[in-house]
Structures are given as C-alpha cells and as structure tokens.
Amino acid sequence: MKGKIKALVVVLIASLLASCQRDVYMYTSFREPADGGLQYLYSEDGYSWTAIDGIFLKPELGEQKIMRDPSMVRGKDGVYHLVWTIGWQGNEGIGYASSKDLIHWENKKIVPVMAHEETTVNIWAPELFYDEDEDRFIIIWASTIPERFPKGEEEERNNHRMYYTTTKDFETFTETKLFADPGFSIIDAVIVKKDKNDYVLVLKDNTRPNRNLKVAFADNPLGPYEQVSEPYTGFKTEGPSVVKLDDEWLIYFDSYGTMSYEAVSTTDFKTFKNANDKISVPKGHKHGTIFKASKKDLEKLLKEQK
C-alpha cells in the first residue's frame, strides 16, 4: 500500500510540474496611434484572449518613434526575438530587440534592410519565421520602390512587394532580396509551415479594389509562392496572424473596415469557415503575431502589469 501511495504522489508531482512548465499562447499587440509601445495578450486555448496591462518596450528607435506590427519568435535557446515597423515612411530599416523574459530587452537596434534602395517609400510589417530545417530566422516585410513593378490601379508610392533577409544570430544578415511578387501590391504576409516541404503564405492583396486576405503555396519557406487563392475575407481586412489549434488552423485578422477583430478556421488552407463565434479579443488590440511563451514568463508579466 505504501508503495502505491508513493507512486501516486510521484505521478501527481510530475503532473503538477508539467502543468507549471507548459507553454501558453501569447499575442504581441499595439494600440493606435502606435506611439505607446509593445503590449501583450495571452490565452490558454488560443481562442479567448486577455490583455496584460502595461507597456513592455517603448518605441525609441527611428525618427518617427512608433511601434507597429510587432512580430515575435522564441528561439531554441528560449530567447525571444522581436521585430517591428519603426516608421510610416522612409528606408531607415526595421526595429529589433531580444529578451529572455519578455520584460527586459537587449540588443535594441535598427536593421537597415533597405538602405541600399534610396527611393524606398516605406518598410512595413516585418514578420519573423524560424526555419528549423536550416536553423535560421527569415524576416519578410513589405516595401514600395517606385517605378519598379507594374502598378495596375495602384499609385507608385503604394505598390508594395515583399522582401526578405535571413540571419542566424541577428548580428549578420544576408543580402536583401525580393521575396514575393504575385503581380499585385502585397503587404502583411505571414509564412506558415503546414507540413514537411509544405508552406503557406497568408497575405493581404493590397490593391485598391480588393484589400483582403488570400493564401499562396510553396515547397520552400523562401518560395516561390504560387497558386494565389481567391479572397476568404471581406473588404478592408489585414494583419493576419496564424496559430495551429489541434486539427485546425485559426487565422486572426483585423477587419478595419468594420472596426472589428475576426477569425477564420481551416484545415487545408483551401476552405475557410467563419470562426468569430469561437474567439474573444480585447477591444483596441491591433495586430501582431501569436507565439508560445513559457508559463513562468507569463506569470512574471502578470506580476509586472500596471
């Protein structure tokens, strides 16, 4: 009997420790007019989100001192890496910082990803993706270089294409190259690894008549992404963030035309279902990315909130 009780205690302790150490979902966030800084939401299930009070990194980089579109990835070593938009216009670069606990930040700097293109109009919505097969981070973003691409109905200063660089240590970066040119103005793109050698690019068609979300497909995280889908969201939608929940993918997005935050679910990125009745997002949240954090780090954040 004593042996059984001891074994049961060991199982209970192990279960408690596992519960304390499990990851939670976090959502990077900002509030308009984007001069406040980095904020967070958290969730146990990926559907219902709670805001954490406070600013956890102020926008001190760049001339315009803003922080939009914060994108976060946790590396294999547990370090969190953050990139963000530092200005509405110009080619200064993108913001970068790293943290071990989501509170204290190091290595804050501007990465001058478009310095070689003097006529660059903007550098918007950088997005981080960790390529585990190559053990590298891929950063993608949208920029306009006037007179570079056919523009259709777009003005020259609003005709975006996606660019990229890669890094292993956020100290040295590969040469900036064109990432995606689907034949139309594209922003707010997110790389999703669906399966081995099966990647999806969730993107915004930013052409004036559309301004909605689509997907494209590739067998490599760097593309080329092809077979662009029909839109699966309405007019004036942007800022997708994707999370895998059990057997389905949930794509959150900012429906700025209706002033609401919405989501669709999919199992194959070919058919999409409205998931608004499943989600709860705090009012005022503006799009960032969803990532996983340790529960220990979340508990520290909750103690720090103001």
Protein backbone atom coordinates (compact mmCIF):
# COMPACT_ATOMS: atom_id res chain seq x y z
CA MET A 1 0.00 0.00 0.00
CA LYS A 2 2.79 2.43 0.90
CA GLY A 3 4.45 1.75 -2.44
CA LYS A 4 1.22 2.57 -4.31
CA ILE A 5 0.75 5.81 -2.35
CA LYS A 6 4.35 6.82 -3.04
CA ALA A 7 3.92 6.11 -6.74
CA LEU A 8 0.71 8.15 -6.81
CA VAL A 9 2.45 11.10 -5.13
CA VAL A 10 5.26 10.95 -7.69
CA VAL A 11 2.71 10.98 -10.53
CA LEU A 12 0.84 13.94 -9.01
CA ILE A 13 4.05 15.93 -8.53
CA ALA A 14 5.15 15.21 -12.09
CA SER A 15 1.74 16.26 -13.37
CA LEU A 16 1.89 19.48 -11.35
CA LEU A 17 5.38 20.29 -12.60
CA ALA A 18 4.33 19.64 -16.20
CA SER A 19 1.34 21.92 -15.73
CA CYS A 20 3.54 24.70 -14.37
CA GLN A 21 6.07 24.35 -17.19
CA ARG A 22 3.70 24.10 -20.17
CA ASP A 23 3.62 26.84 -22.74
CA VAL A 24 0.86 29.37 -23.18
CA TYR A 25 -0.23 31.36 -26.21
CA MET A 26 0.88 34.98 -26.38
CA TYR A 27 -0.14 37.67 -28.86
CA THR A 28 2.02 40.73 -29.49
CA SER A 29 -0.07 43.87 -29.65
CA PHE A 30 -0.05 47.63 -30.01
CA ARG A 31 -2.63 50.39 -29.79
CA GLU A 32 -3.21 53.28 -32.14
CA PRO A 33 -1.65 55.74 -32.78
CA ALA A 34 1.25 53.31 -32.30
CA ASP A 35 3.41 55.60 -30.16
CA GLY A 36 2.85 53.69 -26.90
CA GLY A 37 4.89 50.54 -27.41
CA LEU A 38 4.72 46.77 -27.07
CA GLN A 39 1.74 45.18 -25.35
CA TYR A 40 0.61 41.58 -24.92
CA LEU A 41 -2.44 39.37 -24.85
CA TYR A 42 -2.37 35.82 -23.50
CA SER A 43 -4.54 32.73 -23.85
CA GLU A 44 -4.67 29.19 -22.51
CA ASP A 45 -6.58 27.84 -25.51
CA GLY A 46 -5.79 30.17 -28.42
CA TYR A 47 -9.40 31.35 -28.71
CA SER A 48 -10.12 33.55 -25.69
CA TRP A 49 -7.59 36.34 -25.10
CA THR A 50 -6.85 38.57 -22.11
CA ALA A 51 -4.86 41.79 -22.24
CA ILE A 52 -1.87 42.33 -19.94
CA ASP A 53 -1.79 45.89 -18.68
CA GLY A 54 1.34 47.90 -19.35
CA ILE A 55 3.92 48.79 -21.98
CA PHE A 56 6.82 46.33 -22.13
CA LEU A 57 9.03 48.02 -24.72
CA LYS A 58 8.80 51.67 -25.72
CA PRO A 59 9.34 52.74 -29.34
CA GLU A 60 12.64 54.58 -29.07
CA LEU A 61 14.17 53.61 -32.41
CA GLY A 62 13.95 55.68 -35.58
CA GLU A 63 12.95 59.23 -36.30
CA GLN A 64 9.20 58.68 -36.03
CA LYS A 65 9.29 56.75 -32.73
CA ILE A 66 6.43 54.36 -33.39
CA MET A 67 5.91 50.63 -32.97
CA ARG A 68 3.53 48.85 -35.30
CA ASP A 69 3.15 45.21 -36.33
CA PRO A 70 5.33 43.66 -33.59
CA SER A 71 6.38 40.13 -34.59
CA MET A 72 7.83 37.72 -32.03
CA VAL A 73 9.55 34.33 -32.23
CA ARG A 74 11.13 32.30 -29.42
CA GLY A 75 14.41 30.68 -30.39
CA LYS A 76 15.63 27.19 -29.46
CA ASP A 77 17.57 28.70 -26.55
CA GLY A 78 14.44 30.31 -25.11
CA VAL A 79 15.39 33.85 -26.18
CA TYR A 80 12.54 35.92 -27.62
CA HIS A 81 13.27 37.89 -30.78
CA LEU A 82 11.15 40.88 -31.79
CA VAL A 83 10.94 42.96 -34.97
CA TRP A 84 8.58 45.83 -35.73
CA THR A 85 7.72 48.75 -38.01
CA ILE A 86 9.52 51.91 -36.84
CA GLY A 87 8.05 54.44 -39.27
CA TRP A 88 5.29 55.12 -41.74
CA GLN A 89 7.72 56.35 -44.35
CA GLY A 90 11.41 56.17 -45.16
CA ASN A 91 14.07 53.49 -45.53
CA GLU A 92 15.68 53.62 -42.08
CA GLY A 93 15.04 49.92 -41.51
CA ILE A 94 13.16 47.74 -39.05
CA GLY A 95 13.36 47.64 -35.27
CA TYR A 96 14.91 44.67 -33.47
CA ALA A 97 15.33 43.66 -29.82
CA SER A 98 15.75 40.45 -27.84
CA SER A 99 14.64 39.34 -24.38
CA LYS A 100 14.95 36.36 -22.09
CA ASP A 101 11.77 37.11 -20.14
CA LEU A 102 9.56 39.38 -22.34
CA ILE A 103 10.20 42.25 -19.92
CA HIS A 104 13.85 43.24 -20.09
CA TRP A 105 15.17 43.98 -23.57
CA GLU A 106 18.67 43.91 -25.06
CA ASN A 107 20.37 44.45 -28.41
CA LYS A 108 17.92 47.17 -29.44
CA LYS A 109 18.83 48.43 -32.89
CA ILE A 110 17.67 49.35 -36.35
CA VAL A 111 18.38 46.76 -39.03
CA PRO A 112 18.87 48.79 -42.26
CA VAL A 113 17.33 46.21 -44.59
CA MET A 114 16.53 48.69 -47.42
CA ALA A 115 19.43 51.12 -47.06
CA HIS A 116 20.68 50.07 -50.49
CA GLU A 117 17.45 51.33 -52.12
CA GLU A 118 17.43 55.12 -51.68
CA THR A 119 13.97 55.60 -53.19
CA THR A 120 12.27 53.11 -50.84
CA VAL A 121 8.99 54.65 -49.70
CA ASN A 122 8.40 52.50 -46.62
CA ILE A 123 9.29 49.34 -44.70
CA TRP A 124 6.11 47.83 -43.27
CA ALA A 125 5.07 44.89 -41.10
CA PRO A 126 8.25 42.82 -40.73
CA GLU A 127 7.42 39.23 -39.91
CA LEU A 128 9.72 36.66 -38.27
CA PHE A 129 9.77 32.98 -39.20
CA TYR A 130 12.12 30.38 -37.73
CA ASP A 131 13.27 27.91 -40.39
CA GLU A 132 14.11 24.86 -38.31
CA ASP A 133 15.47 22.87 -41.26
CA GLU A 134 18.19 25.47 -41.90
CA ASP A 135 18.40 26.75 -38.30
CA ARG A 136 17.89 30.34 -39.38
CA PHE A 137 15.43 33.19 -38.96
CA ILE A 138 13.71 34.61 -42.02
CA ILE A 139 12.48 38.21 -41.89
CA ILE A 140 10.00 39.35 -44.52
CA TRP A 141 8.43 42.79 -44.98
CA ALA A 142 6.60 44.98 -47.49
CA SER A 143 8.24 47.92 -49.29
CA THR A 144 7.44 50.17 -52.21
CA ILE A 145 10.13 51.14 -54.68
CA PRO A 146 8.56 53.50 -57.25
CA GLU A 147 8.74 52.54 -60.95
CA ARG A 148 9.98 49.04 -60.09
CA PHE A 149 6.87 46.96 -60.81
CA PRO A 150 3.72 47.21 -62.95
CA LYS A 151 1.17 49.01 -60.82
CA GLY A 152 -2.27 48.45 -62.26
CA GLU A 153 -4.58 50.81 -60.38
CA GLU A 154 -2.04 51.48 -57.66
CA GLU A 155 -0.22 54.75 -57.14
CA GLU A 156 3.54 54.38 -57.44
CA ARG A 157 4.00 55.05 -53.73
CA ASN A 158 1.52 52.33 -52.76
CA ASN A 159 2.70 49.48 -54.99
CA HIS A 160 4.26 47.05 -52.49
CA ARG A 161 6.22 43.86 -52.90
CA MET A 162 7.63 41.58 -50.22
CA TYR A 163 11.37 41.42 -49.48
CA TYR A 164 13.44 39.23 -47.16
CA THR A 165 16.71 38.69 -45.35
CA THR A 166 17.90 35.80 -43.18
CA THR A 167 20.04 35.60 -40.07
CA LYS A 168 21.26 33.04 -37.57
CA ASP A 169 22.29 35.44 -34.81
CA PHE A 170 20.68 38.85 -35.54
CA GLU A 171 24.17 40.25 -35.90
CA THR A 172 24.85 39.41 -39.53
CA PHE A 173 22.17 39.37 -42.21
CA THR A 174 22.09 38.07 -45.75
CA GLU A 175 21.65 40.44 -48.66
CA THR A 176 18.09 41.72 -49.02
CA LYS A 177 16.25 40.05 -51.90
CA LEU A 178 12.80 40.05 -53.43
CA PHE A 179 10.58 37.56 -51.57
CA ALA A 180 7.21 37.70 -53.33
CA ASP A 181 5.86 39.41 -56.42
CA PRO A 182 2.40 37.94 -57.09
CA GLY A 183 1.68 40.56 -59.74
CA PHE A 184 -0.17 42.91 -57.41
CA SER A 185 0.51 45.09 -54.37
CA ILE A 186 1.08 42.80 -51.39
CA ILE A 187 1.61 43.52 -47.66
CA ASP A 188 1.14 41.80 -44.28
CA ALA A 189 2.44 38.38 -45.37
CA VAL A 190 2.97 35.51 -42.91
CA ILE A 191 4.88 32.26 -43.57
CA VAL A 192 3.20 29.13 -42.21
CA LYS A 193 4.76 25.66 -42.19
CA LYS A 194 1.83 23.34 -42.84
CA ASP A 195 3.87 20.15 -43.13
CA LYS A 196 7.27 18.98 -44.28
CA ASN A 197 8.04 20.73 -47.58
CA ASP A 198 4.56 22.28 -47.49
CA TYR A 199 4.39 26.03 -46.82
CA VAL A 200 1.60 28.57 -47.00
CA LEU A 201 1.90 32.33 -47.37
CA VAL A 202 -1.01 34.15 -45.76
CA LEU A 203 -1.09 37.57 -47.39
CA LYS A 204 -3.01 40.76 -47.95
CA ASP A 205 -3.87 41.75 -51.51
CA ASN A 206 -3.46 45.49 -51.03
CA THR A 207 -4.81 46.59 -54.40
CA ARG A 208 -7.46 49.26 -54.06
CA PRO A 209 -10.46 47.19 -55.25
CA ASN A 210 -9.54 44.22 -53.04
CA ARG A 211 -7.74 44.91 -49.75
CA ASN A 212 -8.49 41.41 -48.47
CA LEU A 213 -6.69 38.23 -47.44
CA LYS A 214 -5.55 35.37 -49.67
CA VAL A 215 -3.10 32.45 -49.50
CA ALA A 216 -0.39 31.06 -51.78
CA PHE A 217 1.66 27.86 -51.65
CA ALA A 218 5.29 26.68 -51.91
CA ASP A 219 7.54 23.74 -51.05
CA ASN A 220 10.19 26.01 -49.53
CA PRO A 221 9.83 28.78 -46.93
CA LEU A 222 11.52 31.21 -49.34
CA GLY A 223 9.12 30.30 -52.14
CA PRO A 224 8.34 30.90 -54.88
CA TYR A 225 4.74 31.08 -53.64
CA GLU A 226 2.22 30.29 -56.34
CA GLN A 227 -1.45 29.39 -56.87
CA VAL A 228 -2.75 32.54 -55.19
CA SER A 229 -6.25 31.83 -53.86
CA GLU A 230 -9.44 33.76 -54.10
CA PRO A 231 -10.06 36.04 -51.08
CA TYR A 232 -11.54 34.41 -47.98
CA THR A 233 -12.15 37.66 -46.06
CA GLY A 234 -14.13 40.78 -46.83
CA PHE A 235 -13.10 44.24 -48.00
CA LYS A 236 -10.61 46.15 -45.84
CA THR A 237 -9.08 43.29 -43.86
CA GLU A 238 -5.39 42.98 -42.94
CA GLY A 239 -2.80 41.92 -40.35
CA PRO A 240 -3.24 38.12 -40.34
CA SER A 241 -1.83 36.03 -37.51
CA VAL A 242 -1.95 32.24 -37.66
CA VAL A 243 -2.00 29.60 -34.93
CA LYS A 244 -2.39 25.80 -35.05
CA LEU A 245 -5.01 24.54 -32.60
CA ASP A 246 -5.49 20.75 -32.55
CA ASP A 247 -6.52 19.75 -36.09
CA GLU A 248 -7.27 23.20 -37.45
CA TRP A 249 -5.53 26.46 -38.18
CA LEU A 250 -7.01 29.70 -36.93
CA ILE A 251 -6.29 32.88 -38.90
CA TYR A 252 -6.94 36.06 -36.91
CA PHE A 253 -7.18 39.35 -38.77
CA ASP A 254 -8.03 42.99 -38.34
CA SER A 255 -11.26 43.90 -40.11
CA TYR A 256 -10.56 47.62 -40.15
CA GLY A 257 -13.47 48.28 -42.47
CA THR A 258 -15.97 47.12 -39.84
CA MET A 259 -13.80 48.11 -36.84
CA SER A 260 -13.76 44.55 -35.52
CA TYR A 261 -11.33 41.70 -34.89
CA GLU A 262 -12.25 38.46 -36.63
CA ALA A 263 -11.02 34.95 -37.45
CA VAL A 264 -11.50 32.10 -39.87
CA SER A 265 -10.59 28.44 -39.38
CA THR A 266 -9.21 26.00 -41.92
CA THR A 267 -7.74 22.50 -42.05
CA ASP A 268 -6.24 22.73 -45.54
CA PHE A 269 -5.95 26.46 -46.44
CA LYS A 270 -8.40 25.82 -49.27
CA THR A 271 -11.73 26.06 -47.47
CA PHE A 272 -12.33 28.57 -44.68
CA LYS A 273 -15.04 28.87 -42.05
CA ASN A 274 -16.07 31.94 -40.10
CA ALA A 275 -14.82 31.47 -36.52
CA ASN A 276 -15.97 34.73 -34.95
CA ASP A 277 -18.29 32.92 -32.54
CA LYS A 278 -15.31 30.99 -31.12
CA ILE A 279 -12.99 33.90 -30.32
CA SER A 280 -12.76 36.73 -27.83
CA VAL A 281 -10.22 39.53 -28.42
CA PRO A 282 -9.90 42.66 -26.21
CA LYS A 283 -11.14 45.88 -27.76
CA GLY A 284 -8.39 48.10 -29.16
CA HIS A 285 -5.96 45.27 -29.92
CA LYS A 286 -4.01 45.87 -33.13
CA HIS A 287 -2.34 43.07 -34.97
CA GLY A 288 0.92 41.44 -34.06
CA THR A 289 1.80 37.74 -34.11
CA ILE A 290 0.89 34.74 -31.98
CA PHE A 291 3.74 32.81 -30.40
CA LYS A 292 4.28 30.44 -27.48
CA ALA A 293 5.84 31.52 -24.20
CA SER A 294 6.64 29.65 -21.03
CA LYS A 295 4.07 29.85 -18.28
CA LYS A 296 6.84 31.05 -15.99
CA ASP A 297 7.42 34.07 -18.21
CA LEU A 298 3.69 34.78 -18.36
CA GLU A 299 3.49 34.75 -14.56
CA LYS A 300 6.32 37.31 -14.42
CA LEU A 301 4.45 39.51 -16.90
CA LEU A 302 1.27 39.35 -14.86
CA LYS A 303 3.18 40.46 -11.77
CA GLU A 304 4.70 43.36 -13.74
CA GLN A 305 1.41 44.58 -15.23
CA LYS A 306 0.27 48.05 -14.18
